[in-house]
Amino acid sequence: MKEKIRTLLLKENFEIKENFSFTAYYSDVFAFRKGRNFVFPQRDYIFFHDIDGRKIDAGLAATLHEEARKYVNGGYKMPKAFRFTVPNIASVFYSEGNISGEMIELASKNTRSVIGGEIQQIFFIDTGRKIFYSQGTNTVRAMVEGVSVRMKFNKIDPQNRAYYIIENLLR
């Protein structure tokens, strides 16, 4: 799986580091990418973890994700509410089929914050069945000439960018 992750993310212009240490923990593969969408700077941080190889349960997955968030947010000087550059932090856990109900529940929680300044989500991939669990994509509602319209920004919205990267990984 590591090689597949590397291959896809290198094509997507990510910098890749294996066995990447952050705080007191590590991820099997860490991917970072920065770029721009129109005037908006984008920063994607993706931490990949092998559930089977490291015996990760839902509790440890939650801890690893919180530590990844601490690591990334520690690199930003501005408080979250005032940030122009919003980090997109994704923790991706993969297994040959050891995805528990607790893990699915953890992945499906809505993590959008009213404060802003950070987008973060958790994914669990069942590599055997080629499916993944997450909170899904984000849709924005807008009023256009008095009519409510739902729009999905696939590349601008960080949550959607991460979702489609994981979806492509399973193809």
C-alpha atoms as a PDB file:
ATOM      1  CA  MET A   1       0.000   0.000   0.000  1.00  0.00           C
ATOM      2  CA  LYS A   2       2.857   2.385   0.785  1.00  0.00           C
ATOM      3  CA  GLU A   3       4.112   2.222  -2.806  1.00  0.00           C
ATOM      4  CA  LYS A   4       0.645   2.924  -4.194  1.00  0.00           C
ATOM      5  CA  ILE A   5       0.318   5.945  -1.874  1.00  0.00           C
ATOM      6  CA  ARG A   6       3.748   7.242  -2.941  1.00  0.00           C
ATOM      7  CA  THR A   7       3.038   6.811  -6.650  1.00  0.00           C
ATOM      8  CA  LEU A   8      -0.335   8.585  -6.585  1.00  0.00           C
ATOM      9  CA  LEU A   9       0.737  11.466  -4.374  1.00  0.00           C
ATOM     10  CA  LEU A  10       3.935  12.145  -6.279  1.00  0.00           C
ATOM     11  CA  LYS A  11       1.745  12.554  -9.404  1.00  0.00           C
ATOM     12  CA  GLU A  12      -0.372  15.011  -7.382  1.00  0.00           C
ATOM     13  CA  ASN A  13       2.750  17.110  -6.569  1.00  0.00           C
ATOM     14  CA  PHE A  14       3.053  16.090  -2.926  1.00  0.00           C
ATOM     15  CA  GLU A  15       6.329  15.863  -1.034  1.00  0.00           C
ATOM     16  CA  ILE A  16       6.531  12.421   0.584  1.00  0.00           C
ATOM     17  CA  LYS A  17       8.303  11.257   3.744  1.00  0.00           C
ATOM     18  CA  GLU A  18       8.164   7.721   5.101  1.00  0.00           C
ATOM     19  CA  ASN A  19       8.196   6.919   8.833  1.00  0.00           C
ATOM     20  CA  PHE A  20       7.698  10.609   9.576  1.00  0.00           C
ATOM     21  CA  SER A  21       8.006  11.567  13.261  1.00  0.00           C
ATOM     22  CA  PHE A  22       5.709  14.235  14.656  1.00  0.00           C
ATOM     23  CA  THR A  23       5.291  15.038  18.359  1.00  0.00           C
ATOM     24  CA  ALA A  24       5.834  11.670  20.115  1.00  0.00           C
ATOM     25  CA  TYR A  25       4.295   9.685  17.245  1.00  0.00           C
ATOM     26  CA  TYR A  26       4.965   8.806  13.615  1.00  0.00           C
ATOM     27  CA  SER A  27       3.059   8.146  10.408  1.00  0.00           C
ATOM     28  CA  ASP A  28       3.989   5.430   7.943  1.00  0.00           C
ATOM     29  CA  VAL A  29       3.752   7.954   5.103  1.00  0.00           C
ATOM     30  CA  PHE A  30       3.446  11.728   5.388  1.00  0.00           C
ATOM     31  CA  ALA A  31       2.467  13.840   2.392  1.00  0.00           C
ATOM     32  CA  PHE A  32       2.620  17.633   2.128  1.00  0.00           C
ATOM     33  CA  ARG A  33       1.639  19.926  -0.699  1.00  0.00           C
ATOM     34  CA  LYS A  34       1.279  23.644  -1.026  1.00  0.00           C
ATOM     35  CA  GLY A  35      -0.227  25.570  -3.871  1.00  0.00           C
ATOM     36  CA  ARG A  36      -2.878  28.107  -4.826  1.00  0.00           C
ATOM     37  CA  ASN A  37      -6.458  28.151  -5.981  1.00  0.00           C
ATOM     38  CA  PHE A  38      -7.151  31.592  -7.398  1.00  0.00           C
ATOM     39  CA  VAL A  39      -5.949  33.898  -4.601  1.00  0.00           C
ATOM     40  CA  PHE A  40      -6.316  31.295  -1.851  1.00  0.00           C
ATOM     41  CA  PRO A  41      -3.153  29.560  -0.659  1.00  0.00           C
ATOM     42  CA  GLN A  42      -3.663  25.860   0.015  1.00  0.00           C
ATOM     43  CA  ARG A  43      -1.725  23.554   2.307  1.00  0.00           C
ATOM     44  CA  ASP A  44      -2.492  19.843   2.425  1.00  0.00           C
ATOM     45  CA  TYR A  45      -1.028  17.625   5.157  1.00  0.00           C
ATOM     46  CA  ILE A  46      -1.893  13.918   4.951  1.00  0.00           C
ATOM     47  CA  PHE A  47      -0.744  11.382   7.548  1.00  0.00           C
ATOM     48  CA  PHE A  48      -1.060   7.706   6.496  1.00  0.00           C
ATOM     49  CA  HIS A  49      -1.108   4.935   9.102  1.00  0.00           C
ATOM     50  CA  ASP A  50      -1.028   1.135   8.649  1.00  0.00           C
ATOM     51  CA  ILE A  51      -3.633  -0.287  11.063  1.00  0.00           C
ATOM     52  CA  ASP A  52      -2.538  -3.905  10.628  1.00  0.00           C
ATOM     53  CA  GLY A  53       1.196  -3.324  10.865  1.00  0.00           C
ATOM     54  CA  ARG A  54       0.906  -1.153  13.976  1.00  0.00           C
ATOM     55  CA  LYS A  55      -2.160  -2.633  15.731  1.00  0.00           C
ATOM     56  CA  ILE A  56      -4.052   0.677  15.708  1.00  0.00           C
ATOM     57  CA  ASP A  57      -7.498   0.784  17.316  1.00  0.00           C
ATOM     58  CA  ALA A  58     -10.061   3.631  17.276  1.00  0.00           C
ATOM     59  CA  GLY A  59      -8.620   5.213  20.439  1.00  0.00           C
ATOM     60  CA  LEU A  60      -5.079   5.321  19.079  1.00  0.00           C
ATOM     61  CA  ALA A  61      -6.391   6.578  15.722  1.00  0.00           C
ATOM     62  CA  ALA A  62      -8.087   9.514  17.482  1.00  0.00           C
ATOM     63  CA  THR A  63      -4.868  10.243  19.391  1.00  0.00           C
ATOM     64  CA  LEU A  64      -2.721  10.088  16.239  1.00  0.00           C
ATOM     65  CA  HIS A  65      -5.096  12.496  14.482  1.00  0.00           C
ATOM     66  CA  GLU A  66      -5.090  14.981  17.394  1.00  0.00           C
ATOM     67  CA  GLU A  67      -1.289  14.853  17.545  1.00  0.00           C
ATOM     68  CA  ALA A  68      -1.080  15.459  13.783  1.00  0.00           C
ATOM     69  CA  ARG A  69      -3.321  18.509  14.232  1.00  0.00           C
ATOM     70  CA  LYS A  70      -1.096  19.800  17.056  1.00  0.00           C
ATOM     71  CA  TYR A  71       1.982  19.290  14.899  1.00  0.00           C
ATOM     72  CA  VAL A  72       0.550  21.141  11.876  1.00  0.00           C
ATOM     73  CA  ASN A  73      -1.087  23.965  13.844  1.00  0.00           C
ATOM     74  CA  GLY A  74       2.156  24.461  15.791  1.00  0.00           C
ATOM     75  CA  GLY A  75       3.705  25.705  12.536  1.00  0.00           C
ATOM     76  CA  TYR A  76       1.221  28.569  12.171  1.00  0.00           C
ATOM     77  CA  LYS A  77       1.763  31.768  14.121  1.00  0.00           C
ATOM     78  CA  MET A  78      -1.685  33.286  13.574  1.00  0.00           C
ATOM     79  CA  PRO A  79      -4.607  32.113  15.709  1.00  0.00           C
ATOM     80  CA  LYS A  80      -7.060  29.976  13.744  1.00  0.00           C
ATOM     81  CA  ALA A  81      -9.745  32.668  13.499  1.00  0.00           C
ATOM     82  CA  PHE A  82      -7.355  35.074  11.715  1.00  0.00           C
ATOM     83  CA  ARG A  83      -5.637  32.745   9.264  1.00  0.00           C
ATOM     84  CA  PHE A  84      -5.626  33.451   5.553  1.00  0.00           C
ATOM     85  CA  THR A  85      -3.812  30.169   4.891  1.00  0.00           C
ATOM     86  CA  VAL A  86      -5.941  27.311   6.204  1.00  0.00           C
ATOM     87  CA  PRO A  87      -4.213  23.947   6.675  1.00  0.00           C
ATOM     88  CA  ASN A  88      -6.024  20.839   5.472  1.00  0.00           C
ATOM     89  CA  ILE A  89      -5.122  18.025   7.876  1.00  0.00           C
ATOM     90  CA  ALA A  90      -6.148  14.464   7.001  1.00  0.00           C
ATOM     91  CA  SER A  91      -5.321  11.300   8.892  1.00  0.00           C
ATOM     92  CA  VAL A  92      -5.737   8.204   6.733  1.00  0.00           C
ATOM     93  CA  PHE A  93      -5.766   4.750   8.303  1.00  0.00           C
ATOM     94  CA  TYR A  94      -5.649   1.700   6.053  1.00  0.00           C
ATOM     95  CA  SER A  95      -6.245  -1.980   6.722  1.00  0.00           C
ATOM     96  CA  GLU A  96      -6.884  -5.232   4.913  1.00  0.00           C
ATOM     97  CA  GLY A  97     -10.285  -5.385   6.630  1.00  0.00           C
ATOM     98  CA  ASN A  98      -9.865  -4.558  10.327  1.00  0.00           C
ATOM     99  CA  ILE A  99     -12.132  -1.499  10.357  1.00  0.00           C
ATOM    100  CA  SER A 100     -14.351  -1.464  13.459  1.00  0.00           C
ATOM    101  CA  GLY A 101     -17.698   0.232  13.980  1.00  0.00           C
ATOM    102  CA  GLU A 102     -15.952   2.685  16.324  1.00  0.00           C
ATOM    103  CA  MET A 103     -13.562   3.624  13.533  1.00  0.00           C
ATOM    104  CA  ILE A 104     -16.404   4.156  11.067  1.00  0.00           C
ATOM    105  CA  GLU A 105     -18.158   6.372  13.619  1.00  0.00           C
ATOM    106  CA  LEU A 106     -14.939   8.356  14.187  1.00  0.00           C
ATOM    107  CA  ALA A 107     -14.474   8.928  10.453  1.00  0.00           C
ATOM    108  CA  SER A 108     -18.066  10.041   9.877  1.00  0.00           C
ATOM    109  CA  LYS A 109     -18.066  12.837  12.491  1.00  0.00           C
ATOM    110  CA  ASN A 110     -18.458  16.342  11.098  1.00  0.00           C
ATOM    111  CA  THR A 111     -15.256  18.210  11.928  1.00  0.00           C
ATOM    112  CA  ARG A 112     -16.069  21.661  10.495  1.00  0.00           C
ATOM    113  CA  SER A 113     -15.474  24.380  13.077  1.00  0.00           C
ATOM    114  CA  VAL A 114     -17.256  27.712  13.431  1.00  0.00           C
ATOM    115  CA  ILE A 115     -13.904  29.291  14.277  1.00  0.00           C
ATOM    116  CA  GLY A 116     -12.327  28.158  11.000  1.00  0.00           C
ATOM    117  CA  GLY A 117      -8.581  28.340  10.423  1.00  0.00           C
ATOM    118  CA  GLU A 118      -8.246  24.593   9.919  1.00  0.00           C
ATOM    119  CA  ILE A 119      -9.934  21.822   7.967  1.00  0.00           C
ATOM    120  CA  GLN A 120      -9.418  18.344   9.382  1.00  0.00           C
ATOM    121  CA  GLN A 121     -10.795  14.887   8.794  1.00  0.00           C
ATOM    122  CA  ILE A 122     -10.177  11.194   9.358  1.00  0.00           C
ATOM    123  CA  PHE A 123     -10.399   8.441   6.744  1.00  0.00           C
ATOM    124  CA  PHE A 124     -10.425   4.669   7.201  1.00  0.00           C
ATOM    125  CA  ILE A 125      -9.662   2.577   4.119  1.00  0.00           C
ATOM    126  CA  ASP A 126     -10.564  -1.091   3.833  1.00  0.00           C
ATOM    127  CA  THR A 127      -8.039  -2.142   1.166  1.00  0.00           C
ATOM    128  CA  GLY A 128      -9.516  -5.642   0.892  1.00  0.00           C
ATOM    129  CA  ARG A 129     -13.002  -4.415  -0.018  1.00  0.00           C
ATOM    130  CA  LYS A 130     -11.701  -1.233  -1.728  1.00  0.00           C
ATOM    131  CA  ILE A 131     -13.998   1.087   0.234  1.00  0.00           C
ATOM    132  CA  PHE A 132     -13.343   3.961   2.595  1.00  0.00           C
ATOM    133  CA  TYR A 133     -15.163   5.722   5.390  1.00  0.00           C
ATOM    134  CA  SER A 134     -15.174   9.478   5.944  1.00  0.00           C
ATOM    135  CA  GLN A 135     -17.469  12.410   6.615  1.00  0.00           C
ATOM    136  CA  GLY A 136     -17.968  12.744   2.865  1.00  0.00           C
ATOM    137  CA  THR A 137     -17.755  15.844   0.735  1.00  0.00           C
ATOM    138  CA  ASN A 138     -18.781  19.378   1.619  1.00  0.00           C
ATOM    139  CA  THR A 139     -21.571  21.155  -0.232  1.00  0.00           C
ATOM    140  CA  VAL A 140     -22.143  24.903   0.032  1.00  0.00           C
ATOM    141  CA  ARG A 141     -25.554  26.496  -0.177  1.00  0.00           C
ATOM    142  CA  ALA A 142     -25.773  29.887  -1.882  1.00  0.00           C
ATOM    143  CA  MET A 143     -28.618  32.222  -2.813  1.00  0.00           C
ATOM    144  CA  VAL A 144     -28.581  33.154  -6.490  1.00  0.00           C
ATOM    145  CA  GLU A 145     -31.313  35.589  -7.517  1.00  0.00           C
ATOM    146  CA  GLY A 146     -33.554  34.388  -4.694  1.00  0.00           C
ATOM    147  CA  VAL A 147     -33.041  30.699  -5.439  1.00  0.00           C
ATOM    148  CA  SER A 148     -31.115  28.396  -3.117  1.00  0.00           C
ATOM    149  CA  VAL A 149     -28.364  26.605  -5.054  1.00  0.00           C
ATOM    150  CA  ARG A 150     -26.109  23.822  -3.762  1.00  0.00           C
ATOM    151  CA  MET A 151     -22.533  23.853  -5.039  1.00  0.00           C
ATOM    152  CA  LYS A 152     -19.596  21.537  -4.479  1.00  0.00           C
ATOM    153  CA  PHE A 153     -16.080  22.895  -4.943  1.00  0.00           C
ATOM    154  CA  ASN A 154     -13.888  19.885  -5.670  1.00  0.00           C
ATOM    155  CA  LYS A 155     -10.501  21.624  -5.741  1.00  0.00           C
ATOM    156  CA  ILE A 156     -11.041  24.757  -3.668  1.00  0.00           C
ATOM    157  CA  ASP A 157     -12.665  23.102  -0.651  1.00  0.00           C
ATOM    158  CA  PRO A 158      -9.921  21.279   1.316  1.00  0.00           C
ATOM    159  CA  GLN A 159     -12.299  18.614   2.634  1.00  0.00           C
ATOM    160  CA  ASN A 160     -13.309  17.742  -0.923  1.00  0.00           C
ATOM    161  CA  ARG A 161      -9.677  17.736  -2.148  1.00  0.00           C
ATOM    162  CA  ALA A 162      -8.748  15.156   0.483  1.00  0.00           C
ATOM    163  CA  TYR A 163     -11.855  13.080  -0.256  1.00  0.00           C
ATOM    164  CA  TYR A 164     -11.062  12.845  -3.973  1.00  0.00           C
ATOM    165  CA  ILE A 165      -7.405  12.006  -3.327  1.00  0.00           C
ATOM    166  CA  ILE A 166      -8.475   9.026  -1.209  1.00  0.00           C
ATOM    167  CA  GLU A 167     -11.091   8.044  -3.778  1.00  0.00           C
ATOM    168  CA  ASN A 168      -8.389   8.073  -6.509  1.00  0.00           C
ATOM    169  CA  LEU A 169      -6.114   5.979  -4.303  1.00  0.00           C
ATOM    170  CA  LEU A 170      -8.674   3.155  -4.332  1.00  0.00           C
ATOM    171  CA  ARG A 171      -9.045   3.103  -8.116  1.00  0.00           C
END
